[in-house]
Structures are given as structure tokens and as C-alpha cells.
Amino acid sequence: MSIRIGVVDDHSIFCNGIRYIFENSRNYTVVFSAYNAKECISLLSKTENTVDVLLLDIRIPGEDGFTIFEQIKQRYYHIKIIFLTCYDDYYHLSFALDIGADGYVLKNTSFSELDIAIQFVYQGKQYIDHRLEKYYFQYHLNKQNKRRTLTKRELQILKCVISGMMNKEIALFLHIKEETVKNHLEHIYRKLSVNDRTQAAIYAIKNHYIDL
């Protein structure tokens, strides 16, 4: 069974080149190629255009790749998405990791590495271009350091918030005053740079502050 591929890139020569390579490989079926965000969403909406892995550029007309990534994941959670981009810096990689990218590969990679990347994400694993390993390790180190800024009590309260408990319930559960819970929450919001309990819960889950 071949892996169904979709390609989204605004450079037609590159897009067509990628398509040609995969169409000549018996391991893959190229379902479609799109040159902008609107075209990609339109093609995905057609049931016959279901894909397993989408190769997505970050800089495309209409909406950027990060925005369209979140739109696609909300509608088609089964699709694995690899950012295939020329951006080889920490900022773009860390943002991609923050939103849950399945893979991140540089455009000047070899076909063999791209092949490995697709196979990895198809199997539910994450793949990061080997040339970005230093940024990948730095990203996880930064996450660990950030996690340590929350005290044990703050982590307990954050876990209660994620479970849906209100301040009074948290106070009763942890045997502390409700006012103490409020104070801890204010500290949590400030440390995580969020405005409310919903944002705190989403941020904590996305960044693995809490092991659910």
C-alpha cells in the first residue's frame, strides 16, 4: 500500500519537481499539489483527495503555513504534516514544534532523508531534519527550564485547573484557602504569560507541563 502525499508550495518548479520524484516511486501516490492555502483547503475538502502525509511550506500565498497547519489539523486530525521549508533557524522550528508539527525538513534535503521523514511521521513518530538537531535539543532544554519555574504547589493547582476544578474545589481538594488558590493562579498566569485559566490549561497541555 502506497502512502498518499499532498504537496503545498508556491514555487511551481519546486512543487512539480517534488511531485515528479514521488510519482516515480512505487511507495507513494501524489494525490494533489497546491500553490496556496485556499487551493489546499479546497482540495482537501474533496473526499477523493484524502492524504496521509502533507508536505507544507511555511511561506505560501494567502495564509502562512503555521495558520493553515492548525486549520488542517482541526478538520483532518489524521493527516500528518511535515513542514518542508528553507527556514533553518530556531524561531521557525520552535514555533512549528509548539503547534505540534509531525516533521520539519529543509528544502535542500536529499530524497532519501525526505523519504525517511515521511515514513517516520506516517508511523506516528516525529522527524526533525538532522541539521537542526542543535535547535531541537535547545528547544527541549528551554521547555525543561521553563517547567522548573513553576513550584510543586503551582503544578498541583495547574493540574486541578486542567481537570476542570474551580477555585473553591481546588481549595477543598488541596486543603488550602481559596484566596491562596487565587494568588497561585496569578503567579501561574504571569510565569506562563497567559491571561486566564483556559489559556493556562491549553498552554500547559501543549507544552507538557502536566503528565495526564
C-alpha atoms as a PDB file:
ATOM      1  CA  MET A   1       0.000   0.000   0.000  1.00  0.00           C
ATOM      2  CA  SER A   2       1.447   3.360  -1.059  1.00  0.00           C
ATOM      3  CA  ILE A   3       1.463   6.464   1.131  1.00  0.00           C
ATOM      4  CA  ARG A   4      -0.781   9.216  -0.194  1.00  0.00           C
ATOM      5  CA  ILE A   5       1.058  12.535  -0.477  1.00  0.00           C
ATOM      6  CA  GLY A   6      -0.080  16.145  -0.814  1.00  0.00           C
ATOM      7  CA  VAL A   7       2.331  18.995  -1.653  1.00  0.00           C
ATOM      8  CA  VAL A   8       1.742  22.679  -0.882  1.00  0.00           C
ATOM      9  CA  ASP A   9       4.329  25.157  -2.186  1.00  0.00           C
ATOM     10  CA  ASP A  10       4.006  28.378  -4.172  1.00  0.00           C
ATOM     11  CA  HIS A  11       7.110  27.714  -6.282  1.00  0.00           C
ATOM     12  CA  SER A  12       5.790  25.715  -9.219  1.00  0.00           C
ATOM     13  CA  ILE A  13       9.202  24.371 -10.294  1.00  0.00           C
ATOM     14  CA  PHE A  14       9.922  23.027  -6.810  1.00  0.00           C
ATOM     15  CA  CYS A  15       6.379  21.733  -6.365  1.00  0.00           C
ATOM     16  CA  ASN A  16       6.387  19.971  -9.720  1.00  0.00           C
ATOM     17  CA  GLY A  17       9.845  18.567  -9.036  1.00  0.00           C
ATOM     18  CA  ILE A  18       8.727  17.044  -5.746  1.00  0.00           C
ATOM     19  CA  ARG A  19       5.642  15.665  -7.435  1.00  0.00           C
ATOM     20  CA  TYR A  20       7.702  14.105 -10.228  1.00  0.00           C
ATOM     21  CA  ILE A  21      10.034  12.381  -7.752  1.00  0.00           C
ATOM     22  CA  PHE A  22       7.198  10.853  -5.754  1.00  0.00           C
ATOM     23  CA  GLU A  23       5.130   9.880  -8.765  1.00  0.00           C
ATOM     24  CA  ASN A  24       8.078   7.801  -9.928  1.00  0.00           C
ATOM     25  CA  SER A  25       8.302   5.957  -6.620  1.00  0.00           C
ATOM     26  CA  ARG A  26       6.105   2.917  -6.105  1.00  0.00           C
ATOM     27  CA  ASN A  27       5.937   3.680  -2.365  1.00  0.00           C
ATOM     28  CA  TYR A  28       3.923   6.865  -2.872  1.00  0.00           C
ATOM     29  CA  THR A  29       0.859   8.248  -4.600  1.00  0.00           C
ATOM     30  CA  VAL A  30       0.703  12.005  -5.152  1.00  0.00           C
ATOM     31  CA  VAL A  31      -2.923  12.946  -4.561  1.00  0.00           C
ATOM     32  CA  PHE A  32      -2.561  16.653  -5.298  1.00  0.00           C
ATOM     33  CA  SER A  33      -0.241  19.646  -5.347  1.00  0.00           C
ATOM     34  CA  ALA A  34      -1.400  23.139  -4.373  1.00  0.00           C
ATOM     35  CA  TYR A  35       0.204  26.549  -4.722  1.00  0.00           C
ATOM     36  CA  ASN A  36      -1.582  28.435  -1.947  1.00  0.00           C
ATOM     37  CA  ALA A  37      -3.574  27.944   1.256  1.00  0.00           C
ATOM     38  CA  LYS A  38      -7.008  28.394  -0.314  1.00  0.00           C
ATOM     39  CA  GLU A  39      -6.333  25.805  -3.002  1.00  0.00           C
ATOM     40  CA  CYS A  40      -5.025  23.340  -0.437  1.00  0.00           C
ATOM     41  CA  ILE A  41      -8.125  23.605   1.768  1.00  0.00           C
ATOM     42  CA  SER A  42     -10.367  23.308  -1.274  1.00  0.00           C
ATOM     43  CA  LEU A  43      -8.615  20.172  -2.500  1.00  0.00           C
ATOM     44  CA  LEU A  44      -8.649  18.567   0.940  1.00  0.00           C
ATOM     45  CA  SER A  45     -12.402  19.110   1.202  1.00  0.00           C
ATOM     46  CA  LYS A  46     -12.936  16.666  -1.641  1.00  0.00           C
ATOM     47  CA  THR A  47     -13.109  13.112  -0.301  1.00  0.00           C
ATOM     48  CA  GLU A  48     -11.147  11.720  -3.223  1.00  0.00           C
ATOM     49  CA  ASN A  49      -8.224  13.932  -2.213  1.00  0.00           C
ATOM     50  CA  THR A  50      -7.612  12.329   1.177  1.00  0.00           C
ATOM     51  CA  VAL A  51      -3.894  12.264   2.009  1.00  0.00           C
ATOM     52  CA  ASP A  52      -1.794  10.527   4.639  1.00  0.00           C
ATOM     53  CA  VAL A  53       1.106  12.984   4.683  1.00  0.00           C
ATOM     54  CA  LEU A  54       1.101  16.634   3.628  1.00  0.00           C
ATOM     55  CA  LEU A  55       4.334  18.428   2.706  1.00  0.00           C
ATOM     56  CA  LEU A  56       3.694  22.060   3.593  1.00  0.00           C
ATOM     57  CA  ASP A  57       5.829  25.138   3.014  1.00  0.00           C
ATOM     58  CA  ILE A  58       5.764  27.803   5.715  1.00  0.00           C
ATOM     59  CA  ARG A  59       5.667  30.773   3.366  1.00  0.00           C
ATOM     60  CA  ILE A  60       2.751  30.444   0.968  1.00  0.00           C
ATOM     61  CA  PRO A  61       0.259  32.953  -0.500  1.00  0.00           C
ATOM     62  CA  GLY A  62      -2.928  33.662   1.403  1.00  0.00           C
ATOM     63  CA  GLU A  63      -2.169  32.357   4.876  1.00  0.00           C
ATOM     64  CA  ASP A  64       1.171  31.239   6.254  1.00  0.00           C
ATOM     65  CA  GLY A  65       1.918  27.575   6.715  1.00  0.00           C
ATOM     66  CA  PHE A  66       1.537  27.743  10.500  1.00  0.00           C
ATOM     67  CA  THR A  67      -2.007  29.087  10.227  1.00  0.00           C
ATOM     68  CA  ILE A  68      -3.111  26.583   7.616  1.00  0.00           C
ATOM     69  CA  PHE A  69      -1.459  23.802   9.660  1.00  0.00           C
ATOM     70  CA  GLU A  70      -3.838  24.459  12.555  1.00  0.00           C
ATOM     71  CA  GLN A  71      -6.844  24.654  10.215  1.00  0.00           C
ATOM     72  CA  ILE A  72      -5.989  21.316   8.640  1.00  0.00           C
ATOM     73  CA  LYS A  73      -5.332  19.588  11.967  1.00  0.00           C
ATOM     74  CA  GLN A  74      -8.700  20.749  13.321  1.00  0.00           C
ATOM     75  CA  ARG A  75     -10.574  19.322  10.338  1.00  0.00           C
ATOM     76  CA  TYR A  76      -8.394  16.370   9.380  1.00  0.00           C
ATOM     77  CA  TYR A  77      -6.641  15.231  12.556  1.00  0.00           C
ATOM     78  CA  HIS A  78      -5.423  12.019  10.857  1.00  0.00           C
ATOM     79  CA  ILE A  79      -3.236  13.869   8.343  1.00  0.00           C
ATOM     80  CA  LYS A  80       0.448  14.005   9.232  1.00  0.00           C
ATOM     81  CA  ILE A  81       2.096  17.293   8.273  1.00  0.00           C
ATOM     82  CA  ILE A  82       5.759  17.908   7.514  1.00  0.00           C
ATOM     83  CA  PHE A  83       6.958  21.467   7.117  1.00  0.00           C
ATOM     84  CA  LEU A  84       9.208  21.420   4.053  1.00  0.00           C
ATOM     85  CA  THR A  85      10.906  24.795   4.206  1.00  0.00           C
ATOM     86  CA  CYS A  86      14.055  26.836   3.695  1.00  0.00           C
ATOM     87  CA  TYR A  87      13.879  28.304   7.222  1.00  0.00           C
ATOM     88  CA  ASP A  88      16.732  26.764   9.169  1.00  0.00           C
ATOM     89  CA  ASP A  89      16.531  28.896  12.320  1.00  0.00           C
ATOM     90  CA  TYR A  90      15.476  28.231  15.917  1.00  0.00           C
ATOM     91  CA  TYR A  91      12.472  30.586  15.795  1.00  0.00           C
ATOM     92  CA  HIS A  92      10.610  28.815  12.980  1.00  0.00           C
ATOM     93  CA  LEU A  93      11.480  25.335  14.234  1.00  0.00           C
ATOM     94  CA  SER A  94      10.371  26.100  17.798  1.00  0.00           C
ATOM     95  CA  PHE A  95       7.097  27.595  16.570  1.00  0.00           C
ATOM     96  CA  ALA A  96       6.470  24.506  14.446  1.00  0.00           C
ATOM     97  CA  LEU A  97       7.136  22.271  17.452  1.00  0.00           C
ATOM     98  CA  ASP A  98       4.874  24.387  19.655  1.00  0.00           C
ATOM     99  CA  ILE A  99       1.885  23.830  17.379  1.00  0.00           C
ATOM    100  CA  GLY A 100       2.571  20.110  17.080  1.00  0.00           C
ATOM    101  CA  ALA A 101       4.320  19.640  13.737  1.00  0.00           C
ATOM    102  CA  ASP A 102       4.841  15.999  12.804  1.00  0.00           C
ATOM    103  CA  GLY A 103       8.003  16.813  10.896  1.00  0.00           C
ATOM    104  CA  TYR A 104      10.311  19.650   9.879  1.00  0.00           C
ATOM    105  CA  VAL A 105      12.638  19.187   6.909  1.00  0.00           C
ATOM    106  CA  LEU A 106      14.753  21.677   4.951  1.00  0.00           C
ATOM    107  CA  LYS A 107      14.107  22.020   1.236  1.00  0.00           C
ATOM    108  CA  ASN A 108      17.683  21.243   0.245  1.00  0.00           C
ATOM    109  CA  THR A 109      17.487  17.805   1.815  1.00  0.00           C
ATOM    110  CA  SER A 110      18.115  14.627  -0.129  1.00  0.00           C
ATOM    111  CA  PHE A 111      15.252  12.463  -1.325  1.00  0.00           C
ATOM    112  CA  SER A 112      16.470   9.662   0.922  1.00  0.00           C
ATOM    113  CA  GLU A 113      16.091  11.812   4.042  1.00  0.00           C
ATOM    114  CA  LEU A 114      12.707  13.116   2.932  1.00  0.00           C
ATOM    115  CA  ASP A 115      11.672   9.520   2.337  1.00  0.00           C
ATOM    116  CA  ILE A 116      12.753   8.612   5.877  1.00  0.00           C
ATOM    117  CA  ALA A 117      10.922  11.647   7.289  1.00  0.00           C
ATOM    118  CA  ILE A 118       7.673  10.651   5.594  1.00  0.00           C
ATOM    119  CA  GLN A 119       7.987   7.066   6.767  1.00  0.00           C
ATOM    120  CA  PHE A 120       8.604   8.289  10.334  1.00  0.00           C
ATOM    121  CA  VAL A 121       5.601  10.597  10.543  1.00  0.00           C
ATOM    122  CA  TYR A 122       3.374   8.069   8.761  1.00  0.00           C
ATOM    123  CA  GLN A 123       4.157   5.674  11.617  1.00  0.00           C
ATOM    124  CA  GLY A 124       3.217   8.306  14.188  1.00  0.00           C
ATOM    125  CA  LYS A 125       6.753   9.441  15.010  1.00  0.00           C
ATOM    126  CA  GLN A 126       8.190  12.934  14.808  1.00  0.00           C
ATOM    127  CA  TYR A 127      11.029  13.722  12.415  1.00  0.00           C
ATOM    128  CA  ILE A 128      13.331  16.743  12.519  1.00  0.00           C
ATOM    129  CA  ASP A 129      15.978  17.435   9.874  1.00  0.00           C
ATOM    130  CA  HIS A 130      19.330  16.236  11.269  1.00  0.00           C
ATOM    131  CA  ARG A 131      20.908  19.620  10.502  1.00  0.00           C
ATOM    132  CA  LEU A 132      18.592  21.236  13.045  1.00  0.00           C
ATOM    133  CA  GLU A 133      19.398  18.880  15.912  1.00  0.00           C
ATOM    134  CA  LYS A 134      21.106  21.622  17.953  1.00  0.00           C
ATOM    135  CA  TYR A 135      17.932  23.726  17.805  1.00  0.00           C
ATOM    136  CA  TYR A 136      15.772  20.714  18.567  1.00  0.00           C
ATOM    137  CA  PHE A 137      17.759  19.923  21.722  1.00  0.00           C
ATOM    138  CA  GLN A 138      17.800  23.594  22.703  1.00  0.00           C
ATOM    139  CA  TYR A 139      14.022  23.727  22.335  1.00  0.00           C
ATOM    140  CA  HIS A 140      13.505  20.819  24.730  1.00  0.00           C
ATOM    141  CA  LEU A 141      16.100  22.207  27.147  1.00  0.00           C
ATOM    142  CA  ASN A 142      14.253  25.527  27.200  1.00  0.00           C
ATOM    143  CA  LYS A 143      10.994  23.687  27.871  1.00  0.00           C
ATOM    144  CA  GLN A 144      12.528  21.850  30.800  1.00  0.00           C
ATOM    145  CA  ASN A 145      13.909  25.073  32.252  1.00  0.00           C
ATOM    146  CA  LYS A 146      10.577  26.782  31.818  1.00  0.00           C
ATOM    147  CA  ARG A 147       8.781  23.926  33.536  1.00  0.00           C
ATOM    148  CA  ARG A 148      11.054  24.238  36.562  1.00  0.00           C
ATOM    149  CA  THR A 149       9.905  27.828  37.125  1.00  0.00           C
ATOM    150  CA  LEU A 150       6.574  26.528  38.450  1.00  0.00           C
ATOM    151  CA  THR A 151       6.615  25.381  42.057  1.00  0.00           C
ATOM    152  CA  LYS A 152       5.289  21.994  43.117  1.00  0.00           C
ATOM    153  CA  ARG A 153       2.145  23.643  44.509  1.00  0.00           C
ATOM    154  CA  GLU A 154       1.615  25.632  41.306  1.00  0.00           C
ATOM    155  CA  LEU A 155       1.884  22.439  39.267  1.00  0.00           C
ATOM    156  CA  GLN A 156      -0.696  20.797  41.552  1.00  0.00           C
ATOM    157  CA  ILE A 157      -3.087  23.701  41.072  1.00  0.00           C
ATOM    158  CA  LEU A 158      -2.478  23.735  37.325  1.00  0.00           C
ATOM    159  CA  LYS A 159      -3.351  20.047  37.156  1.00  0.00           C
ATOM    160  CA  CYS A 160      -6.584  20.745  39.047  1.00  0.00           C
ATOM    161  CA  VAL A 161      -7.417  23.535  36.595  1.00  0.00           C
ATOM    162  CA  ILE A 162      -6.874  21.176  33.654  1.00  0.00           C
ATOM    163  CA  SER A 163      -9.223  18.647  35.272  1.00  0.00           C
ATOM    164  CA  GLY A 164     -11.945  21.327  35.317  1.00  0.00           C
ATOM    165  CA  MET A 165     -11.954  22.185  39.014  1.00  0.00           C
ATOM    166  CA  MET A 166     -12.915  25.704  40.124  1.00  0.00           C
ATOM    167  CA  ASN A 167     -11.039  27.675  42.784  1.00  0.00           C
ATOM    168  CA  LYS A 168     -13.284  26.606  45.662  1.00  0.00           C
ATOM    169  CA  GLU A 169     -12.981  22.941  44.653  1.00  0.00           C
ATOM    170  CA  ILE A 170      -9.201  23.244  44.366  1.00  0.00           C
ATOM    171  CA  ALA A 171      -9.009  24.817  47.814  1.00  0.00           C
ATOM    172  CA  LEU A 172     -11.020  21.982  49.346  1.00  0.00           C
ATOM    173  CA  PHE A 173      -9.048  19.341  47.483  1.00  0.00           C
ATOM    174  CA  LEU A 174      -5.628  20.728  48.497  1.00  0.00           C
ATOM    175  CA  HIS A 175      -6.760  21.852  51.988  1.00  0.00           C
ATOM    176  CA  ILE A 176      -5.787  25.482  51.422  1.00  0.00           C
ATOM    177  CA  LYS A 177      -7.675  28.778  51.394  1.00  0.00           C
ATOM    178  CA  GLU A 178      -9.486  29.879  48.246  1.00  0.00           C
ATOM    179  CA  GLU A 179      -7.578  33.169  48.374  1.00  0.00           C
ATOM    180  CA  THR A 180      -4.326  31.174  48.305  1.00  0.00           C
ATOM    181  CA  VAL A 181      -5.506  29.403  45.156  1.00  0.00           C
ATOM    182  CA  LYS A 182      -6.203  32.771  43.516  1.00  0.00           C
ATOM    183  CA  ASN A 183      -2.737  34.020  44.411  1.00  0.00           C
ATOM    184  CA  HIS A 184      -1.100  30.907  42.999  1.00  0.00           C
ATOM    185  CA  LEU A 185      -3.118  31.236  39.797  1.00  0.00           C
ATOM    186  CA  GLU A 186      -1.956  34.821  39.357  1.00  0.00           C
ATOM    187  CA  HIS A 187       1.639  33.631  39.685  1.00  0.00           C
ATOM    188  CA  ILE A 188       0.994  30.846  37.157  1.00  0.00           C
ATOM    189  CA  TYR A 189      -0.553  33.259  34.643  1.00  0.00           C
ATOM    190  CA  ARG A 190       2.408  35.611  34.951  1.00  0.00           C
ATOM    191  CA  LYS A 191       5.008  32.859  34.576  1.00  0.00           C
ATOM    192  CA  LEU A 192       3.292  31.319  31.552  1.00  0.00           C
ATOM    193  CA  SER A 193       2.414  34.700  30.011  1.00  0.00           C
ATOM    194  CA  VAL A 194      -1.300  33.866  29.782  1.00  0.00           C
ATOM    195  CA  ASN A 195      -4.426  35.745  30.840  1.00  0.00           C
ATOM    196  CA  ASP A 196      -6.793  33.154  32.295  1.00  0.00           C
ATOM    197  CA  ARG A 197      -7.250  29.549  33.423  1.00  0.00           C
ATOM    198  CA  THR A 198      -8.305  28.340  29.970  1.00  0.00           C
ATOM    199  CA  GLN A 199      -5.172  29.714  28.334  1.00  0.00           C
ATOM    200  CA  ALA A 200      -3.063  28.299  31.169  1.00  0.00           C
ATOM    201  CA  ALA A 201      -4.588  24.842  30.718  1.00  0.00           C
ATOM    202  CA  ILE A 202      -4.086  24.877  26.938  1.00  0.00           C
ATOM    203  CA  TYR A 203      -0.501  26.093  27.293  1.00  0.00           C
ATOM    204  CA  ALA A 204       0.317  23.501  29.952  1.00  0.00           C
ATOM    205  CA  ILE A 205      -1.067  20.621  27.905  1.00  0.00           C
ATOM    206  CA  LYS A 206       0.597  21.744  24.696  1.00  0.00           C
ATOM    207  CA  ASN A 207       3.968  22.197  26.402  1.00  0.00           C
ATOM    208  CA  HIS A 208       3.748  19.057  28.527  1.00  0.00           C
ATOM    209  CA  TYR A 209       3.870  20.776  31.908  1.00  0.00           C
ATOM    210  CA  ILE A 210       1.470  18.181  33.221  1.00  0.00           C
ATOM    211  CA  ASP A 211       1.625  14.440  32.590  1.00  0.00           C
ATOM    212  CA  LEU A 212      -2.006  13.497  32.022  1.00  0.00           C
END
